[in-house]
Amino acid sequence: MGLLIRNGDIVTAERRWRGDIRCREGRIVDIGEGLKKESGEEVLDAGDLLVFPGGVDPHVHMELPVAGTVSSDDFESGTAAALAGGTTTMIDFVHPDRGEDFLEALAARKQEAAKAVADYGFHMAVTWWGEETRGWIEQCVRQEGISSFKIYMAYLGTVGLGDDDIIEVMKITAGLDALVVVHAEHGQVIKHLREKFFSEGKTEPIYHARSRPPETEGEANGRIAMLASLTGANLYVVHVTCEQAVAAITAAQGRGQRLWAETCPQYLLLDESVYELPDFEGAAYVLAPPIRARGHHEVLWQALAKGALQVVATDHCPFNFVGQKEMGREDFRLIPGGAAGVENRLALLFSHGVGQGRIDLHKFVDLVSSRPARIFGLYPRKGTIQVGSDADLVLWDPTATATISATAHHHRCDRSIYEGFEVTGTPATVIAGGEIRYHDGNLRVETGTGRYLKRNPVGEQYA
């Protein structure tokens, strides 16, 4: 059995053309015009639809323990929601406990992910540094196909690292041509401000944002870029939110550093007034870094258009309002940080980016698929449409409209931070591994069909 897609308006990061695509055994085996149906082959007429490579989201958190609870999407529900939105590949995280063997933590995480319905990989979070850590990082790269390592400059009491340990991580990853993925916020200042506001009786969600001002992100980005420059590390900054961070990143890129960065739809489209919604609803928007004042939006859009920011990811990490976000009613510090978004990424960026003339179709494909595949060692298996690539494809209706709502999304979450957003442009059909997994609003997923992906070091993608 195979699948033949006819009459597609095919769009990649580089070019656009009309053609047919033949898929067999999970791969693209032929691309051309007027391809003839072969025996046993299913035919799908794309009509006037656009055909994109499947989305790659390099920043998601399924089943993540946070603040005494666990994010509400597991690997099955989260990957299903991703497919419904046009994302066919994602990269999650392994977070070893302090003192835990990294490879044992990886084995446990693989068991949790075994029920995934879309392909996935992992970043390894370096949550502590000891005599064994260097060897575990080497094994991750050489045996497990993990070529990216997450460090946190915040959360110093749990997963965060000080500069001494960060330097050690950078030295070993530079030698392996691996990538350091960084959450860049000044942890000590944030800790001080959180305790200060709480001691003054300021407990509402807005103080989550005020305890993490843009300056803490700007300083951390400048510092981490300096450390990467001195150690020769490859650097990727997650969830960039503000003008100060963009300035530090563009300065480092201007010096010739190998530094890439992402932002997320919430930072492009929402503003910090959400934290002052009545009835504690602002808690639904608590995530880190926080949503910023509206003045930062245009800086981020311009950075995407000019290439200073190369990826739009989601930081998908949902928590239900009832029973989870409510844990922090009396103390903003206890609100679990995160929100759902993996299903909405492509539609939001297409509608507000392409639809409003901020980016073109090729930039759109690059931001949501091709560039993350390149940066994280998956290209050309993922992120493009060519013979030999995985048959991960999105048939996109650029005129279809929808209204985002928690009543309709596939996320296992009772709130949407994009509630009421109207979008133009949605997936009509999503194909993963040559199989139709979403069509005309209906999911066709099977538990455990997602595959664990081993990835190449960053240098092999940008040689």
Protein backbone atom coordinates (compact mmCIF):
# COMPACT_ATOMS: atom_id res chain seq x y z
CA MET A 1 0.00 0.00 0.00
CA GLY A 2 1.06 3.53 -0.67
CA LEU A 3 -0.33 7.03 -0.95
CA LEU A 4 -0.34 9.31 -3.99
CA ILE A 5 -1.01 13.01 -3.45
CA ARG A 6 -2.03 14.71 -6.68
CA ASN A 7 -2.21 18.32 -7.79
CA GLY A 8 -0.53 19.83 -4.76
CA ASP A 9 0.69 23.42 -4.55
CA ILE A 10 3.93 22.33 -2.90
CA VAL A 11 5.78 24.84 -0.73
CA THR A 12 9.14 24.36 1.00
CA ALA A 13 11.45 26.89 2.61
CA GLU A 14 13.18 27.38 -0.75
CA ARG A 15 10.67 26.94 -3.57
CA ARG A 16 7.05 26.50 -4.69
CA TRP A 17 5.73 24.32 -7.50
CA ARG A 18 2.73 22.29 -8.65
CA GLY A 19 3.16 18.54 -8.50
CA ASP A 20 2.36 15.06 -7.23
CA ILE A 21 3.99 13.21 -4.33
CA ARG A 22 4.17 9.42 -3.99
CA CYS A 23 4.63 7.96 -0.50
CA ARG A 24 5.53 4.37 0.29
CA GLU A 25 6.76 2.63 3.44
CA GLY A 26 6.81 5.91 5.33
CA ARG A 27 9.01 7.80 2.86
CA ILE A 28 8.60 10.04 -0.16
CA VAL A 29 9.63 7.90 -3.12
CA ASP A 30 8.71 10.09 -6.10
CA ILE A 31 7.84 13.70 -6.89
CA GLY A 32 6.66 14.82 -10.30
CA GLU A 33 3.73 15.83 -12.48
CA GLY A 34 1.05 13.49 -13.76
CA LEU A 35 2.22 10.51 -11.70
CA LYS A 36 0.11 7.41 -12.47
CA LYS A 37 -1.67 5.49 -9.74
CA GLU A 38 0.01 2.21 -8.89
CA SER A 39 -1.67 -0.98 -7.72
CA GLY A 40 -3.09 -0.77 -4.21
CA GLU A 41 -2.29 2.92 -3.91
CA GLU A 42 -4.64 5.38 -2.22
CA VAL A 43 -5.06 8.64 -4.10
CA LEU A 44 -5.58 11.97 -2.36
CA ASP A 45 -6.38 14.97 -4.56
CA ALA A 46 -4.88 18.11 -3.02
CA GLY A 47 -6.93 20.34 -5.31
CA ASP A 48 -6.00 23.93 -4.59
CA LEU A 49 -4.50 23.16 -1.18
CA LEU A 50 -0.97 24.07 -0.19
CA VAL A 51 1.33 21.18 0.72
CA PHE A 52 3.93 21.82 3.42
CA PRO A 53 6.44 19.53 5.13
CA GLY A 54 5.10 18.46 8.53
CA GLY A 55 5.76 20.86 11.36
CA VAL A 56 8.68 20.30 13.75
CA ASP A 57 8.21 21.67 17.26
CA PRO A 58 11.54 21.52 19.12
CA HIS A 59 10.20 22.66 22.49
CA VAL A 60 7.41 20.73 24.24
CA HIS A 61 6.89 19.28 27.72
CA MET A 62 4.62 16.24 27.99
CA GLU A 63 4.05 14.64 31.39
CA LEU A 64 6.40 17.14 33.06
CA PRO A 65 6.43 17.23 36.88
CA VAL A 66 6.11 20.87 38.02
CA ALA A 67 5.28 22.39 41.40
CA GLY A 68 3.80 19.24 42.88
CA THR A 69 1.75 18.29 39.83
CA VAL A 70 2.28 17.01 36.27
CA SER A 71 1.52 18.71 32.95
CA SER A 72 -1.85 17.52 31.73
CA ASP A 73 -0.98 16.22 28.25
CA ASP A 74 0.74 12.85 28.16
CA PHE A 75 2.70 11.70 25.12
CA GLU A 76 -0.39 10.22 23.47
CA SER A 77 -2.77 13.16 23.91
CA GLY A 78 -0.07 15.74 23.27
CA THR A 79 1.21 14.19 20.05
CA ALA A 80 -2.37 13.69 18.85
CA ALA A 81 -3.08 17.39 19.41
CA ALA A 82 0.11 18.21 17.53
CA LEU A 83 -0.99 16.15 14.53
CA ALA A 84 -4.37 17.87 14.50
CA GLY A 85 -2.52 21.17 14.10
CA GLY A 86 -0.02 20.09 11.46
CA THR A 87 2.99 19.24 13.64
CA THR A 88 4.30 15.75 12.92
CA THR A 89 7.57 15.78 14.92
CA MET A 90 8.46 17.20 18.32
CA ILE A 91 11.40 17.26 20.68
CA ASP A 92 10.68 16.88 24.39
CA PHE A 93 13.05 16.80 27.38
CA VAL A 94 14.62 14.41 29.86
CA HIS A 95 14.97 16.05 33.29
CA PRO A 96 17.10 13.90 35.61
CA ASP A 97 16.68 14.55 39.32
CA ARG A 98 19.69 15.95 41.15
CA GLY A 99 22.08 13.03 41.53
CA GLU A 100 20.20 10.79 39.08
CA ASP A 101 21.95 8.84 36.33
CA PHE A 102 21.16 10.61 33.03
CA LEU A 103 20.87 7.37 31.08
CA GLU A 104 18.49 5.85 33.62
CA ALA A 105 16.36 8.99 33.39
CA LEU A 106 16.40 8.65 29.59
CA ALA A 107 15.26 5.03 29.75
CA ALA A 108 12.35 5.98 31.99
CA ARG A 109 11.40 8.85 29.69
CA LYS A 110 11.42 6.54 26.67
CA GLN A 111 8.93 4.31 28.47
CA GLU A 112 6.63 7.28 29.08
CA ALA A 113 6.90 8.28 25.41
CA ALA A 114 6.21 4.80 24.04
CA LYS A 115 2.51 5.66 23.61
CA ALA A 116 3.23 8.67 21.35
CA VAL A 117 1.32 8.83 18.05
CA ALA A 118 3.85 11.09 16.30
CA ASP A 119 7.64 10.98 16.01
CA TYR A 120 9.68 12.49 18.83
CA GLY A 121 13.18 13.10 20.09
CA PHE A 122 14.68 14.38 23.34
CA HIS A 123 16.91 17.10 24.65
CA MET A 124 18.82 16.08 27.77
CA ALA A 125 18.56 18.63 30.59
CA VAL A 126 21.82 18.94 32.51
CA THR A 127 20.35 19.45 35.96
CA TRP A 128 23.53 18.79 37.92
CA TRP A 129 27.24 18.48 37.31
CA GLY A 130 29.38 15.73 38.81
CA GLU A 131 32.21 13.40 37.90
CA GLU A 132 29.86 11.20 35.85
CA THR A 133 28.13 13.97 33.91
CA ARG A 134 30.77 14.31 31.21
CA GLY A 135 30.57 10.62 30.34
CA TRP A 136 26.78 10.65 30.21
CA ILE A 137 26.80 13.58 27.79
CA GLU A 138 29.27 11.75 25.55
CA GLN A 139 27.09 8.62 25.57
CA CYS A 140 24.00 10.65 24.75
CA VAL A 141 25.67 12.06 21.63
CA ARG A 142 27.49 8.96 20.43
CA GLN A 143 25.01 6.22 21.30
CA GLU A 144 21.57 7.72 21.95
CA GLY A 145 21.37 10.31 19.17
CA ILE A 146 20.79 13.18 21.58
CA SER A 147 22.74 16.19 20.35
CA SER A 148 21.23 19.00 22.44
CA PHE A 149 21.57 19.70 26.16
CA LYS A 150 19.29 22.01 28.13
CA ILE A 151 20.54 24.29 30.88
CA TYR A 152 18.48 26.58 33.09
CA MET A 153 19.86 29.87 34.36
CA ALA A 154 16.77 30.18 36.59
CA TYR A 155 15.30 27.67 39.09
CA LEU A 156 18.63 27.47 40.89
CA GLY A 157 17.22 25.42 43.75
CA THR A 158 16.02 22.61 41.50
CA VAL A 159 17.16 22.23 37.87
CA GLY A 160 19.20 25.42 37.44
CA LEU A 161 22.99 25.62 37.16
CA GLY A 162 25.47 28.27 38.23
CA ASP A 163 28.00 29.72 35.81
CA ASP A 164 30.80 27.35 36.87
CA ASP A 165 28.75 24.30 35.91
CA ILE A 166 27.42 25.96 32.76
CA ILE A 167 31.01 26.46 31.60
CA GLU A 168 31.70 22.74 32.09
CA VAL A 169 28.62 21.84 30.03
CA MET A 170 29.72 24.22 27.29
CA LYS A 171 33.25 22.84 27.16
CA ILE A 172 32.17 19.22 26.70
CA THR A 173 29.39 19.99 24.19
CA ALA A 174 31.71 22.20 22.12
CA GLY A 175 34.09 19.26 21.76
CA LEU A 176 31.22 17.06 20.58
CA ASP A 177 29.76 19.73 18.24
CA ALA A 178 26.54 19.40 20.22
CA LEU A 179 24.14 22.20 21.08
CA VAL A 180 23.50 23.96 24.38
CA VAL A 181 19.81 24.84 24.73
CA VAL A 182 19.32 27.57 27.32
CA HIS A 183 16.51 29.00 29.40
CA ALA A 184 17.96 32.48 29.87
CA GLU A 185 16.72 34.39 32.93
CA HIS A 186 18.72 35.81 35.86
CA GLY A 187 17.76 33.33 38.55
CA GLN A 188 19.07 35.18 41.59
CA VAL A 189 17.25 38.42 40.78
CA ILE A 190 14.00 36.56 40.10
CA LYS A 191 14.26 34.72 43.41
CA HIS A 192 14.78 38.02 45.22
CA LEU A 193 11.80 39.69 43.54
CA ARG A 194 9.46 36.75 44.10
CA GLU A 195 10.22 36.70 47.80
CA LYS A 196 9.98 40.50 48.03
CA PHE A 197 6.52 40.69 46.43
CA PHE A 198 5.15 37.81 48.50
CA SER A 199 6.45 39.33 51.74
CA GLU A 200 4.59 42.54 50.82
CA GLY A 201 1.32 40.63 50.41
CA LYS A 202 1.42 40.85 46.62
CA THR A 203 0.21 37.38 45.70
CA GLU A 204 -1.81 37.83 42.48
CA PRO A 205 -0.75 36.43 39.06
CA ILE A 206 0.44 39.84 37.83
CA TYR A 207 3.35 39.57 40.27
CA HIS A 208 4.58 36.53 38.42
CA ALA A 209 5.29 38.88 35.49
CA ARG A 210 6.66 41.68 37.63
CA SER A 211 9.08 39.34 39.38
CA ARG A 212 10.60 38.38 36.02
CA PRO A 213 11.09 41.75 34.24
CA PRO A 214 12.60 41.94 30.74
CA GLU A 215 15.94 43.07 32.18
CA THR A 216 16.44 39.64 33.78
CA GLU A 217 16.11 38.03 30.36
CA GLY A 218 18.29 40.58 28.59
CA GLU A 219 21.12 40.21 31.11
CA ALA A 220 21.02 36.43 30.99
CA ASN A 221 21.15 36.37 27.20
CA GLY A 222 24.17 38.66 27.16
CA ARG A 223 25.94 36.56 29.79
CA ILE A 224 25.21 33.20 28.17
CA ALA A 225 26.37 34.51 24.77
CA MET A 226 29.63 35.66 26.36
CA LEU A 227 30.18 32.27 27.99
CA ALA A 228 29.45 30.49 24.71
CA SER A 229 31.89 32.75 22.88
CA LEU A 230 34.69 32.01 25.32
CA THR A 231 34.10 28.24 25.34
CA GLY A 232 33.26 27.78 21.65
CA ALA A 233 29.82 26.36 22.42
CA ASN A 234 26.95 26.19 19.94
CA LEU A 235 23.95 27.95 21.52
CA TYR A 236 20.17 27.87 21.09
CA VAL A 237 18.04 30.20 23.23
CA VAL A 238 14.47 29.10 23.92
CA HIS A 239 11.31 31.24 24.27
CA VAL A 240 12.69 34.73 23.57
CA THR A 241 10.13 37.31 24.72
CA CYS A 242 11.52 40.83 24.72
CA GLU A 243 13.52 43.60 23.11
CA GLN A 244 16.37 43.25 25.61
CA ALA A 245 16.90 39.58 24.74
CA VAL A 246 16.73 40.23 20.99
CA ALA A 247 19.37 42.94 21.35
CA ALA A 248 21.77 40.59 23.14
CA ILE A 249 21.16 37.80 20.61
CA THR A 250 21.65 39.99 17.53
CA ALA A 251 24.84 41.43 19.02
CA ALA A 252 26.25 37.92 19.46
CA GLN A 253 25.18 36.89 15.97
CA GLY A 254 26.84 40.03 14.63
CA ARG A 255 30.10 38.84 16.18
CA GLY A 256 29.79 35.63 14.20
CA GLN A 257 28.67 33.30 17.00
CA ARG A 258 26.80 30.09 16.21
CA LEU A 259 23.71 31.16 18.09
CA TRP A 260 20.12 30.37 17.16
CA ALA A 261 16.94 31.35 18.99
CA GLU A 262 13.19 30.81 19.06
CA THR A 263 10.09 32.64 20.15
CA CYS A 264 6.55 31.35 20.69
CA PRO A 265 3.07 32.48 19.57
CA GLN A 266 2.12 33.64 23.07
CA TYR A 267 4.90 36.23 22.99
CA LEU A 268 3.92 37.44 19.51
CA LEU A 269 0.20 37.77 20.18
CA LEU A 270 -0.61 38.28 23.88
CA ASP A 271 0.29 41.07 26.32
CA GLU A 272 0.75 41.17 30.06
CA SER A 273 -2.74 42.56 30.73
CA VAL A 274 -3.87 38.90 30.70
CA TYR A 275 -2.43 38.55 34.20
CA GLU A 276 -5.02 40.99 35.55
CA LEU A 277 -8.07 39.10 34.32
CA PRO A 278 -10.74 38.76 37.05
CA ASP A 279 -11.51 35.62 39.09
CA PHE A 280 -7.89 34.46 39.06
CA GLU A 281 -8.13 33.67 35.31
CA GLY A 282 -4.77 35.35 34.86
CA ALA A 283 -3.24 32.18 36.31
CA ALA A 284 -3.94 30.39 33.04
CA TYR A 285 -1.26 32.59 31.44
CA VAL A 286 1.45 32.01 34.02
CA LEU A 287 4.51 30.67 32.20
CA ALA A 288 8.18 31.55 32.18
CA PRO A 289 9.42 33.87 30.91
CA PRO A 290 6.14 35.75 31.31
CA ILE A 291 4.08 37.39 28.59
CA ARG A 292 5.38 40.92 28.07
CA ALA A 293 3.94 44.37 27.47
CA ARG A 294 2.69 44.96 23.94
CA GLY A 295 5.69 47.08 22.92
CA HIS A 296 7.83 43.96 22.53
CA HIS A 297 5.64 42.33 19.86
CA GLU A 298 6.92 44.24 16.87
CA VAL A 299 10.55 43.66 17.87
CA LEU A 300 9.93 39.91 17.84
CA TRP A 301 8.11 39.96 14.50
CA GLN A 302 10.94 41.97 12.94
CA ALA A 303 13.52 39.58 14.40
CA LEU A 304 11.68 36.66 12.75
CA ALA A 305 11.46 38.44 9.41
CA LYS A 306 15.14 39.42 9.46
CA GLY A 307 16.39 36.02 10.64
CA ALA A 308 17.66 36.96 14.11
CA LEU A 309 15.10 34.50 15.49
CA GLN A 310 14.98 31.33 13.42
CA VAL A 311 12.22 29.20 14.96
CA VAL A 312 8.68 29.52 16.29
CA ALA A 313 8.13 26.77 18.88
CA THR A 314 5.45 26.48 21.60
CA ASP A 315 6.95 25.52 24.98
CA HIS A 316 3.78 23.42 25.20
CA CYS A 317 3.29 22.55 28.88
CA PRO A 318 -0.43 22.58 29.76
CA PHE A 319 -2.05 22.57 33.18
CA ASN A 320 -5.74 22.54 33.97
CA PHE A 321 -7.09 25.60 35.69
CA VAL A 322 -9.24 23.47 37.99
CA GLY A 323 -7.08 21.50 40.39
CA GLN A 324 -3.71 22.67 39.05
CA LYS A 325 -3.43 26.40 38.34
CA GLU A 326 -5.71 26.95 41.35
CA MET A 327 -2.93 25.67 43.60
CA GLY A 328 -1.53 29.20 43.58
CA ARG A 329 -4.65 31.20 44.51
CA GLU A 330 -2.97 32.53 47.64
CA ASP A 331 0.59 32.62 46.29
CA PHE A 332 1.58 33.28 42.66
CA ARG A 333 4.77 31.33 43.28
CA LEU A 334 2.74 28.10 43.54
CA ILE A 335 0.99 28.42 40.17
CA PRO A 336 2.43 25.73 37.87
CA GLY A 337 3.94 27.52 34.88
CA GLY A 338 2.92 26.53 31.38
CA ALA A 339 0.14 26.50 28.82
CA ALA A 340 -1.14 24.49 25.86
CA GLY A 341 -0.30 25.48 22.31
CA VAL A 342 1.10 22.67 20.16
CA GLU A 343 -2.15 22.32 18.19
CA ASN A 344 -2.41 26.05 17.44
CA ARG A 345 1.14 26.97 16.39
CA LEU A 346 0.83 26.70 12.61
CA ALA A 347 -2.61 28.28 12.35
CA LEU A 348 -1.64 31.24 14.54
CA LEU A 349 1.61 31.92 12.70
CA PHE A 350 0.01 31.51 9.27
CA SER A 351 -2.91 33.77 10.15
CA HIS A 352 -0.96 36.52 11.93
CA GLY A 353 2.29 36.15 10.01
CA VAL A 354 1.55 35.21 6.40
CA GLY A 355 -2.01 36.54 6.50
CA GLN A 356 -0.92 39.95 7.74
CA GLY A 357 2.11 40.25 5.46
CA ARG A 358 4.74 39.96 8.18
CA ILE A 359 6.35 36.86 6.63
CA ASP A 360 5.97 34.98 3.34
CA LEU A 361 5.10 31.31 2.80
CA HIS A 362 8.72 30.21 2.54
CA LYS A 363 9.65 31.92 5.80
CA PHE A 364 6.60 30.30 7.42
CA VAL A 365 7.74 26.81 6.40
CA ASP A 366 11.28 27.57 7.53
CA LEU A 367 10.17 28.80 10.97
CA VAL A 368 7.85 25.90 11.80
CA SER A 369 9.58 23.01 10.04
CA SER A 370 12.79 23.34 8.03
CA ARG A 371 14.93 25.41 10.36
CA PRO A 372 14.20 23.44 13.55
CA ALA A 373 14.87 20.24 11.59
CA ARG A 374 18.23 21.63 10.48
CA ILE A 375 19.28 23.03 13.85
CA PHE A 376 18.39 19.85 15.73
CA GLY A 377 19.92 17.30 13.38
CA LEU A 378 16.80 15.95 11.65
CA TYR A 379 17.19 17.45 8.16
CA PRO A 380 16.54 16.24 5.45
CA ARG A 381 14.68 13.34 6.99
CA LYS A 382 12.32 15.97 8.40
CA GLY A 383 11.60 19.56 7.42
CA THR A 384 11.48 19.30 3.64
CA ILE A 385 9.73 17.63 0.71
CA GLN A 386 12.16 15.58 -1.34
CA VAL A 387 12.68 11.98 -2.36
CA GLY A 388 13.97 10.03 0.62
CA SER A 389 12.48 12.32 3.26
CA ASP A 390 9.90 10.99 5.68
CA ALA A 391 6.39 11.28 4.28
CA ASP A 392 5.30 13.87 6.83
CA LEU A 393 3.07 16.31 4.97
CA VAL A 394 0.38 18.88 5.67
CA LEU A 395 -2.32 19.68 3.14
CA TRP A 396 -3.21 23.23 4.13
CA ASP A 397 -6.36 25.16 3.33
CA PRO A 398 -5.31 28.83 3.32
CA THR A 399 -8.91 30.07 3.25
CA ALA A 400 -10.45 27.89 5.97
CA THR A 401 -11.41 29.74 9.14
CA ALA A 402 -11.68 28.57 12.74
CA THR A 403 -12.10 29.94 16.24
CA ILE A 404 -9.71 28.58 18.86
CA SER A 405 -11.39 27.38 22.04
CA ALA A 406 -10.80 24.97 24.89
CA THR A 407 -14.18 23.45 24.01
CA ALA A 408 -12.83 22.27 20.66
CA HIS A 409 -9.09 21.72 20.98
CA HIS A 410 -7.45 18.31 21.37
CA HIS A 411 -5.20 19.40 24.24
CA ARG A 412 -6.04 17.70 27.52
CA CYS A 413 -6.55 21.06 29.21
CA ASP A 414 -9.56 23.08 30.35
CA ARG A 415 -8.20 26.45 29.23
CA SER A 416 -6.80 27.91 26.03
CA ILE A 417 -4.66 31.02 26.26
CA TYR A 418 -5.88 31.77 22.71
CA GLU A 419 -9.58 31.47 23.61
CA GLY A 420 -11.65 33.27 20.97
CA PHE A 421 -8.77 33.87 18.54
CA GLU A 422 -10.00 33.62 14.95
CA VAL A 423 -7.59 32.15 12.42
CA THR A 424 -7.58 31.91 8.65
CA GLY A 425 -5.63 28.92 7.35
CA THR A 426 -5.90 25.46 8.90
CA PRO A 427 -4.79 21.90 8.07
CA ALA A 428 -7.22 19.87 5.97
CA THR A 429 -5.15 16.67 6.05
CA VAL A 430 -2.06 15.71 8.02
CA ILE A 431 0.10 12.76 6.94
CA ALA A 432 2.75 11.24 9.19
CA GLY A 433 4.98 8.42 8.02
CA GLY A 434 2.90 8.10 4.86
CA GLU A 435 -0.34 7.53 6.80
CA ILE A 436 -3.29 9.92 6.99
CA ARG A 437 -3.53 10.82 10.67
CA TYR A 438 -5.90 13.81 10.49
CA HIS A 439 -8.50 14.51 7.82
CA ASP A 440 -11.45 16.89 7.67
CA GLY A 441 -11.46 17.42 11.43
CA ASN A 442 -11.05 13.78 12.43
CA LEU A 443 -8.01 12.20 14.05
CA ARG A 444 -6.93 8.73 12.90
CA VAL A 445 -4.17 7.96 15.39
CA GLU A 446 -2.87 4.70 16.81
CA THR A 447 -1.19 4.44 20.19
CA GLY A 448 2.54 3.83 19.95
CA THR A 449 3.05 4.62 16.26
CA GLY A 450 5.40 7.50 17.06
CA ARG A 451 9.08 6.69 16.65
CA TYR A 452 12.05 7.76 18.74
CA LEU A 453 14.39 9.83 16.58
CA LYS A 454 18.16 9.83 16.88
CA ARG A 455 19.65 13.14 15.78
CA ASN A 456 22.96 14.33 14.30
CA PRO A 457 25.29 16.91 15.89
CA VAL A 458 24.65 20.48 14.82
CA GLY A 459 27.79 20.75 12.71
CA GLU A 460 26.58 18.06 10.32
CA GLN A 461 23.63 20.28 9.41
CA TYR A 462 25.57 23.51 8.93
CA ALA A 463 28.92 22.32 7.60
